[in-house]
Amino acid sequence: MADAAKLTVKNLRRAGVGTFFRPIDVAAMGIGEPTLRRLVREGQIEKIARGVYRVTEAEPGEHFTLAAVCARVPRGILCLRTALQFHRIGTRVTPEVWLAIPHGMRTPIVDFAKLRVVRFQGQSLVSGVATVQVEGVPTRITDPVRTVVDCFRLSRLIDRETALEALREVLRRPNTAPSQLLRVADALGGAGAIRAALEILGA
């Protein structure tokens, strides 16, 4: 790695740093706050929130805000309406970022996006949760089957019309069967609601 005085964004990119990063992500490279401040002064990076930086030259992508949120809250899990939108399930669009965090974790402060925080615990923090790269940021998100199960399991948060639309659409996708939904629902609770919905759809 180049020394701090010669460090550039190009060096960071070569080292695998994505569009967004935290100081802890570059600490192993010997990059500390003084170097980060210099890069900010030079306009190579910008500080978008406490503990989160963005590579200035990076073009904002479709999921720019989601990546920024997940860089700020690495323990968070994109879920429910945000996961539906990310997976292109259904027609609903949300201006909020729906983020699940562990019970007992302090609600994160994010001033660049509107958060809708949900609390998960135990098996719901791991079952059906995938890690994907979004704008170069490792991002945790519920997979399509788990997302649909959550729409029924957490019916106080998601209206029935949205949940049924999501169920209908995910069942049209290849390699998705009612048994998969029931298996996940059995693990997390809420299998009864999924069974009733499958009967309504005749699946």
C-alpha atoms as a PDB file:
ATOM      1  CA  MET A   1       0.000   0.000   0.000  1.00  0.00           C
ATOM      2  CA  ALA A   2       1.219   3.525  -0.768  1.00  0.00           C
ATOM      3  CA  ASP A   3       2.314   5.596   2.192  1.00  0.00           C
ATOM      4  CA  ALA A   4      -0.212   8.002   3.693  1.00  0.00           C
ATOM      5  CA  ALA A   5       1.231  11.079   1.982  1.00  0.00           C
ATOM      6  CA  LYS A   6       0.802   9.530  -1.488  1.00  0.00           C
ATOM      7  CA  LEU A   7      -2.423   7.673  -0.854  1.00  0.00           C
ATOM      8  CA  THR A   8      -5.090   8.185  -3.514  1.00  0.00           C
ATOM      9  CA  VAL A   9      -8.548   6.791  -4.166  1.00  0.00           C
ATOM     10  CA  LYS A  10      -7.030   4.643  -6.888  1.00  0.00           C
ATOM     11  CA  ASN A  11      -4.961   2.920  -4.209  1.00  0.00           C
ATOM     12  CA  LEU A  12      -8.097   2.379  -2.123  1.00  0.00           C
ATOM     13  CA  ARG A  13      -9.893   0.869  -5.102  1.00  0.00           C
ATOM     14  CA  ARG A  14      -7.014  -1.511  -5.760  1.00  0.00           C
ATOM     15  CA  ALA A  15      -7.208  -2.575  -2.124  1.00  0.00           C
ATOM     16  CA  GLY A  16     -10.867  -3.507  -2.560  1.00  0.00           C
ATOM     17  CA  VAL A  17     -12.555  -0.505  -0.934  1.00  0.00           C
ATOM     18  CA  GLY A  18     -16.085   0.019  -2.309  1.00  0.00           C
ATOM     19  CA  THR A  19     -18.072   3.180  -2.932  1.00  0.00           C
ATOM     20  CA  PHE A  20     -18.766   3.523   0.789  1.00  0.00           C
ATOM     21  CA  PHE A  21     -16.461   2.562   3.609  1.00  0.00           C
ATOM     22  CA  ARG A  22     -15.829   3.041   7.311  1.00  0.00           C
ATOM     23  CA  PRO A  23     -12.544   3.900   9.008  1.00  0.00           C
ATOM     24  CA  ILE A  24     -12.402   0.357  10.389  1.00  0.00           C
ATOM     25  CA  ASP A  25     -12.473  -0.970   6.805  1.00  0.00           C
ATOM     26  CA  VAL A  26      -9.197   0.751   5.967  1.00  0.00           C
ATOM     27  CA  ALA A  27      -7.470   0.679   9.349  1.00  0.00           C
ATOM     28  CA  ALA A  28      -5.615  -2.539   8.452  1.00  0.00           C
ATOM     29  CA  MET A  29      -4.034  -0.648   5.543  1.00  0.00           C
ATOM     30  CA  GLY A  30      -2.494   1.793   7.992  1.00  0.00           C
ATOM     31  CA  ILE A  31      -4.969   4.532   7.073  1.00  0.00           C
ATOM     32  CA  GLY A  32      -6.026   6.682   9.994  1.00  0.00           C
ATOM     33  CA  GLU A  33      -8.157   9.770  10.533  1.00  0.00           C
ATOM     34  CA  PRO A  34      -5.438  12.265   9.448  1.00  0.00           C
ATOM     35  CA  THR A  35      -5.191  10.590   6.031  1.00  0.00           C
ATOM     36  CA  LEU A  36      -8.958  10.444   5.691  1.00  0.00           C
ATOM     37  CA  ARG A  37      -9.205  14.141   6.534  1.00  0.00           C
ATOM     38  CA  ARG A  38      -6.623  14.911   3.856  1.00  0.00           C
ATOM     39  CA  LEU A  39      -8.542  12.932   1.244  1.00  0.00           C
ATOM     40  CA  VAL A  40     -11.691  14.829   2.224  1.00  0.00           C
ATOM     41  CA  ARG A  41      -9.868  18.177   1.850  1.00  0.00           C
ATOM     42  CA  GLU A  42      -8.607  17.095  -1.569  1.00  0.00           C
ATOM     43  CA  GLY A  43     -12.134  16.140  -2.611  1.00  0.00           C
ATOM     44  CA  GLN A  44     -11.229  12.495  -3.233  1.00  0.00           C
ATOM     45  CA  ILE A  45     -13.684  11.263  -0.630  1.00  0.00           C
ATOM     46  CA  GLU A  46     -16.527  12.840   1.307  1.00  0.00           C
ATOM     47  CA  LYS A  47     -17.839  12.166   4.779  1.00  0.00           C
ATOM     48  CA  ILE A  48     -21.554  11.495   4.446  1.00  0.00           C
ATOM     49  CA  ALA A  49     -22.317  10.524   8.030  1.00  0.00           C
ATOM     50  CA  ARG A  50     -20.560   9.776  11.269  1.00  0.00           C
ATOM     51  CA  GLY A  51     -18.130   6.964  10.509  1.00  0.00           C
ATOM     52  CA  VAL A  52     -19.061   6.645   6.818  1.00  0.00           C
ATOM     53  CA  TYR A  53     -17.138   7.931   3.792  1.00  0.00           C
ATOM     54  CA  ARG A  54     -17.932   7.861   0.082  1.00  0.00           C
ATOM     55  CA  VAL A  55     -15.529   7.773  -2.850  1.00  0.00           C
ATOM     56  CA  THR A  56     -16.382  11.032  -4.625  1.00  0.00           C
ATOM     57  CA  GLU A  57     -15.724   9.798  -8.160  1.00  0.00           C
ATOM     58  CA  ALA A  58     -18.227   6.955  -7.808  1.00  0.00           C
ATOM     59  CA  GLU A  59     -21.394   7.444  -9.836  1.00  0.00           C
ATOM     60  CA  PRO A  60     -24.555   7.018  -7.745  1.00  0.00           C
ATOM     61  CA  GLY A  61     -26.208   3.717  -8.647  1.00  0.00           C
ATOM     62  CA  GLU A  62     -29.773   2.500  -8.260  1.00  0.00           C
ATOM     63  CA  HIS A  63     -29.155   1.334  -4.696  1.00  0.00           C
ATOM     64  CA  PHE A  64     -26.922   4.215  -3.613  1.00  0.00           C
ATOM     65  CA  THR A  65     -28.920   4.977  -0.450  1.00  0.00           C
ATOM     66  CA  LEU A  66     -29.211   1.328   0.585  1.00  0.00           C
ATOM     67  CA  ALA A  67     -25.445   0.915   0.318  1.00  0.00           C
ATOM     68  CA  ALA A  68     -24.866   4.018   2.408  1.00  0.00           C
ATOM     69  CA  VAL A  69     -27.251   2.799   5.110  1.00  0.00           C
ATOM     70  CA  CYS A  70     -25.616  -0.637   5.252  1.00  0.00           C
ATOM     71  CA  ALA A  71     -22.155   0.921   5.451  1.00  0.00           C
ATOM     72  CA  ARG A  72     -23.397   2.997   8.384  1.00  0.00           C
ATOM     73  CA  VAL A  73     -25.216   0.065  10.068  1.00  0.00           C
ATOM     74  CA  PRO A  74     -23.314  -3.128   9.142  1.00  0.00           C
ATOM     75  CA  ARG A  75     -25.344  -5.252  11.576  1.00  0.00           C
ATOM     76  CA  GLY A  76     -28.583  -4.191   9.917  1.00  0.00           C
ATOM     77  CA  ILE A  77     -30.650  -6.372   7.557  1.00  0.00           C
ATOM     78  CA  LEU A  78     -32.669  -4.905   4.706  1.00  0.00           C
ATOM     79  CA  CYS A  79     -36.145  -6.369   5.018  1.00  0.00           C
ATOM     80  CA  LEU A  80     -39.854  -6.217   4.230  1.00  0.00           C
ATOM     81  CA  ARG A  81     -40.793  -3.401   1.788  1.00  0.00           C
ATOM     82  CA  THR A  82     -37.171  -2.536   1.000  1.00  0.00           C
ATOM     83  CA  ALA A  83     -36.327  -6.191   0.343  1.00  0.00           C
ATOM     84  CA  LEU A  84     -39.433  -6.561  -1.852  1.00  0.00           C
ATOM     85  CA  GLN A  85     -38.331  -3.568  -3.879  1.00  0.00           C
ATOM     86  CA  PHE A  86     -34.714  -4.757  -4.119  1.00  0.00           C
ATOM     87  CA  HIS A  87     -35.800  -8.213  -5.311  1.00  0.00           C
ATOM     88  CA  ARG A  88     -38.360  -6.637  -7.678  1.00  0.00           C
ATOM     89  CA  ILE A  89     -41.274  -8.430  -6.078  1.00  0.00           C
ATOM     90  CA  GLY A  90     -44.620  -6.703  -6.477  1.00  0.00           C
ATOM     91  CA  THR A  91     -45.384  -3.125  -7.419  1.00  0.00           C
ATOM     92  CA  ARG A  92     -45.088  -1.299  -4.121  1.00  0.00           C
ATOM     93  CA  VAL A  93     -42.441   1.407  -3.807  1.00  0.00           C
ATOM     94  CA  THR A  94     -41.284   2.788  -0.483  1.00  0.00           C
ATOM     95  CA  PRO A  95     -39.355   6.005   0.224  1.00  0.00           C
ATOM     96  CA  GLU A  96     -38.131   4.520   3.510  1.00  0.00           C
ATOM     97  CA  VAL A  97     -35.314   2.060   4.102  1.00  0.00           C
ATOM     98  CA  TRP A  98     -36.737  -0.840   6.101  1.00  0.00           C
ATOM     99  CA  LEU A  99     -33.930  -2.122   8.288  1.00  0.00           C
ATOM    100  CA  ALA A 100     -34.001  -4.923  10.843  1.00  0.00           C
ATOM    101  CA  ILE A 101     -31.631  -4.738  13.781  1.00  0.00           C
ATOM    102  CA  PRO A 102     -31.114  -7.064  16.766  1.00  0.00           C
ATOM    103  CA  HIS A 103     -33.234  -6.618  19.872  1.00  0.00           C
ATOM    104  CA  GLY A 104     -31.274  -4.585  22.389  1.00  0.00           C
ATOM    105  CA  MET A 105     -29.271  -2.709  19.766  1.00  0.00           C
ATOM    106  CA  ARG A 106     -29.560   1.055  19.951  1.00  0.00           C
ATOM    107  CA  THR A 107     -31.614   2.566  17.137  1.00  0.00           C
ATOM    108  CA  PRO A 108     -29.093   3.906  14.605  1.00  0.00           C
ATOM    109  CA  ILE A 109     -29.035   7.590  13.697  1.00  0.00           C
ATOM    110  CA  VAL A 110     -28.922   8.090   9.941  1.00  0.00           C
ATOM    111  CA  ASP A 111     -29.480  11.642   8.750  1.00  0.00           C
ATOM    112  CA  PHE A 112     -29.225  10.968   5.002  1.00  0.00           C
ATOM    113  CA  ALA A 113     -32.128   8.489   4.741  1.00  0.00           C
ATOM    114  CA  LYS A 114     -35.481   7.829   6.357  1.00  0.00           C
ATOM    115  CA  LEU A 115     -35.284   4.566   8.288  1.00  0.00           C
ATOM    116  CA  ARG A 116     -38.085   2.236   9.292  1.00  0.00           C
ATOM    117  CA  VAL A 117     -36.529   0.081  12.000  1.00  0.00           C
ATOM    118  CA  VAL A 118     -37.749  -3.441  12.775  1.00  0.00           C
ATOM    119  CA  ARG A 119     -36.418  -5.645  15.595  1.00  0.00           C
ATOM    120  CA  PHE A 120     -35.358  -9.238  14.929  1.00  0.00           C
ATOM    121  CA  GLN A 121     -34.020 -11.797  17.371  1.00  0.00           C
ATOM    122  CA  GLY A 122     -32.770 -15.371  17.454  1.00  0.00           C
ATOM    123  CA  GLN A 123     -33.348 -17.403  14.301  1.00  0.00           C
ATOM    124  CA  SER A 124     -34.874 -14.445  12.471  1.00  0.00           C
ATOM    125  CA  LEU A 125     -31.428 -12.792  12.377  1.00  0.00           C
ATOM    126  CA  VAL A 126     -29.942 -15.599  10.283  1.00  0.00           C
ATOM    127  CA  SER A 127     -32.619 -17.719   8.592  1.00  0.00           C
ATOM    128  CA  GLY A 128     -33.065 -16.678   4.963  1.00  0.00           C
ATOM    129  CA  VAL A 129     -30.621 -13.774   5.301  1.00  0.00           C
ATOM    130  CA  ALA A 130     -28.167 -13.381   2.416  1.00  0.00           C
ATOM    131  CA  THR A 131     -25.125 -11.151   2.036  1.00  0.00           C
ATOM    132  CA  VAL A 132     -24.801  -9.364  -1.292  1.00  0.00           C
ATOM    133  CA  GLN A 133     -22.548  -6.626  -2.622  1.00  0.00           C
ATOM    134  CA  VAL A 134     -24.344  -3.321  -3.154  1.00  0.00           C
ATOM    135  CA  GLU A 135     -22.219  -0.462  -4.505  1.00  0.00           C
ATOM    136  CA  GLY A 136     -19.232  -2.397  -3.177  1.00  0.00           C
ATOM    137  CA  VAL A 137     -20.701  -2.627   0.331  1.00  0.00           C
ATOM    138  CA  PRO A 138     -21.386  -6.040   1.946  1.00  0.00           C
ATOM    139  CA  THR A 139     -25.139  -5.830   2.511  1.00  0.00           C
ATOM    140  CA  ARG A 140     -27.361  -8.189   4.487  1.00  0.00           C
ATOM    141  CA  ILE A 141     -30.866  -8.691   3.139  1.00  0.00           C
ATOM    142  CA  THR A 142     -33.679 -11.189   3.511  1.00  0.00           C
ATOM    143  CA  ASP A 143     -33.896 -13.407   0.423  1.00  0.00           C
ATOM    144  CA  PRO A 144     -37.121 -13.478  -1.658  1.00  0.00           C
ATOM    145  CA  VAL A 145     -38.740 -16.448   0.115  1.00  0.00           C
ATOM    146  CA  ARG A 146     -37.905 -15.130   3.585  1.00  0.00           C
ATOM    147  CA  THR A 147     -39.142 -11.662   2.611  1.00  0.00           C
ATOM    148  CA  VAL A 148     -42.544 -13.009   1.590  1.00  0.00           C
ATOM    149  CA  VAL A 149     -42.794 -15.075   4.779  1.00  0.00           C
ATOM    150  CA  ASP A 150     -42.039 -11.937   6.799  1.00  0.00           C
ATOM    151  CA  CYS A 151     -44.845 -10.067   5.030  1.00  0.00           C
ATOM    152  CA  PHE A 152     -47.312 -12.577   6.521  1.00  0.00           C
ATOM    153  CA  ARG A 153     -45.446 -13.186   9.768  1.00  0.00           C
ATOM    154  CA  LEU A 154     -45.302  -9.457  10.525  1.00  0.00           C
ATOM    155  CA  SER A 155     -48.802  -8.619   9.349  1.00  0.00           C
ATOM    156  CA  ARG A 156     -48.988  -5.646  11.700  1.00  0.00           C
ATOM    157  CA  LEU A 157     -46.428  -3.952   9.458  1.00  0.00           C
ATOM    158  CA  ILE A 158     -47.475  -5.110   5.969  1.00  0.00           C
ATOM    159  CA  ASP A 159     -51.016  -4.960   4.606  1.00  0.00           C
ATOM    160  CA  ARG A 160     -52.577  -8.179   3.329  1.00  0.00           C
ATOM    161  CA  GLU A 161     -52.905  -6.959  -0.262  1.00  0.00           C
ATOM    162  CA  THR A 162     -49.165  -6.318  -0.471  1.00  0.00           C
ATOM    163  CA  ALA A 163     -48.387  -9.690   1.115  1.00  0.00           C
ATOM    164  CA  LEU A 164     -50.677 -11.613  -1.260  1.00  0.00           C
ATOM    165  CA  GLU A 165     -49.267  -9.816  -4.290  1.00  0.00           C
ATOM    166  CA  ALA A 166     -45.733 -10.715  -3.176  1.00  0.00           C
ATOM    167  CA  LEU A 167     -46.689 -14.359  -2.552  1.00  0.00           C
ATOM    168  CA  ARG A 168     -48.386 -14.665  -5.939  1.00  0.00           C
ATOM    169  CA  GLU A 169     -45.387 -13.200  -7.734  1.00  0.00           C
ATOM    170  CA  VAL A 170     -42.665 -15.175  -5.944  1.00  0.00           C
ATOM    171  CA  LEU A 171     -44.508 -18.431  -6.672  1.00  0.00           C
ATOM    172  CA  ARG A 172     -44.288 -17.645 -10.392  1.00  0.00           C
ATOM    173  CA  ARG A 173     -40.514 -17.613 -10.192  1.00  0.00           C
ATOM    174  CA  PRO A 174     -38.514 -20.686 -11.185  1.00  0.00           C
ATOM    175  CA  ASN A 175     -37.398 -22.995  -8.386  1.00  0.00           C
ATOM    176  CA  THR A 176     -39.783 -21.496  -5.830  1.00  0.00           C
ATOM    177  CA  ALA A 177     -42.320 -23.897  -4.347  1.00  0.00           C
ATOM    178  CA  PRO A 178     -44.932 -23.620  -1.570  1.00  0.00           C
ATOM    179  CA  SER A 179     -42.902 -26.125   0.455  1.00  0.00           C
ATOM    180  CA  GLN A 180     -39.993 -23.651   0.644  1.00  0.00           C
ATOM    181  CA  LEU A 181     -42.226 -20.938   2.060  1.00  0.00           C
ATOM    182  CA  LEU A 182     -43.733 -23.337   4.577  1.00  0.00           C
ATOM    183  CA  ARG A 183     -40.303 -24.569   5.661  1.00  0.00           C
ATOM    184  CA  VAL A 184     -39.093 -21.038   6.377  1.00  0.00           C
ATOM    185  CA  ALA A 185     -42.366 -20.111   8.042  1.00  0.00           C
ATOM    186  CA  ASP A 186     -42.157 -23.186  10.279  1.00  0.00           C
ATOM    187  CA  ALA A 187     -38.675 -22.117  11.386  1.00  0.00           C
ATOM    188  CA  LEU A 188     -39.709 -18.547  12.154  1.00  0.00           C
ATOM    189  CA  GLY A 189     -43.366 -18.859  13.096  1.00  0.00           C
ATOM    190  CA  GLY A 190     -46.334 -17.841  10.994  1.00  0.00           C
ATOM    191  CA  ALA A 191     -46.800 -21.043   8.997  1.00  0.00           C
ATOM    192  CA  GLY A 192     -50.550 -20.872   9.589  1.00  0.00           C
ATOM    193  CA  ALA A 193     -50.825 -17.543   7.788  1.00  0.00           C
ATOM    194  CA  ILE A 194     -48.804 -18.854   4.826  1.00  0.00           C
ATOM    195  CA  ARG A 195     -50.934 -22.017   4.575  1.00  0.00           C
ATOM    196  CA  ALA A 196     -54.131 -19.943   4.587  1.00  0.00           C
ATOM    197  CA  ALA A 197     -52.756 -17.639   1.893  1.00  0.00           C
ATOM    198  CA  LEU A 198     -51.663 -20.598  -0.270  1.00  0.00           C
ATOM    199  CA  GLU A 199     -55.193 -21.989  -0.027  1.00  0.00           C
ATOM    200  CA  ILE A 200     -56.619 -18.638  -1.152  1.00  0.00           C
ATOM    201  CA  LEU A 201     -54.308 -18.664  -4.181  1.00  0.00           C
ATOM    202  CA  GLY A 202     -54.983 -22.335  -4.841  1.00  0.00           C
ATOM    203  CA  ALA A 203     -51.233 -23.101  -4.696  1.00  0.00           C
END
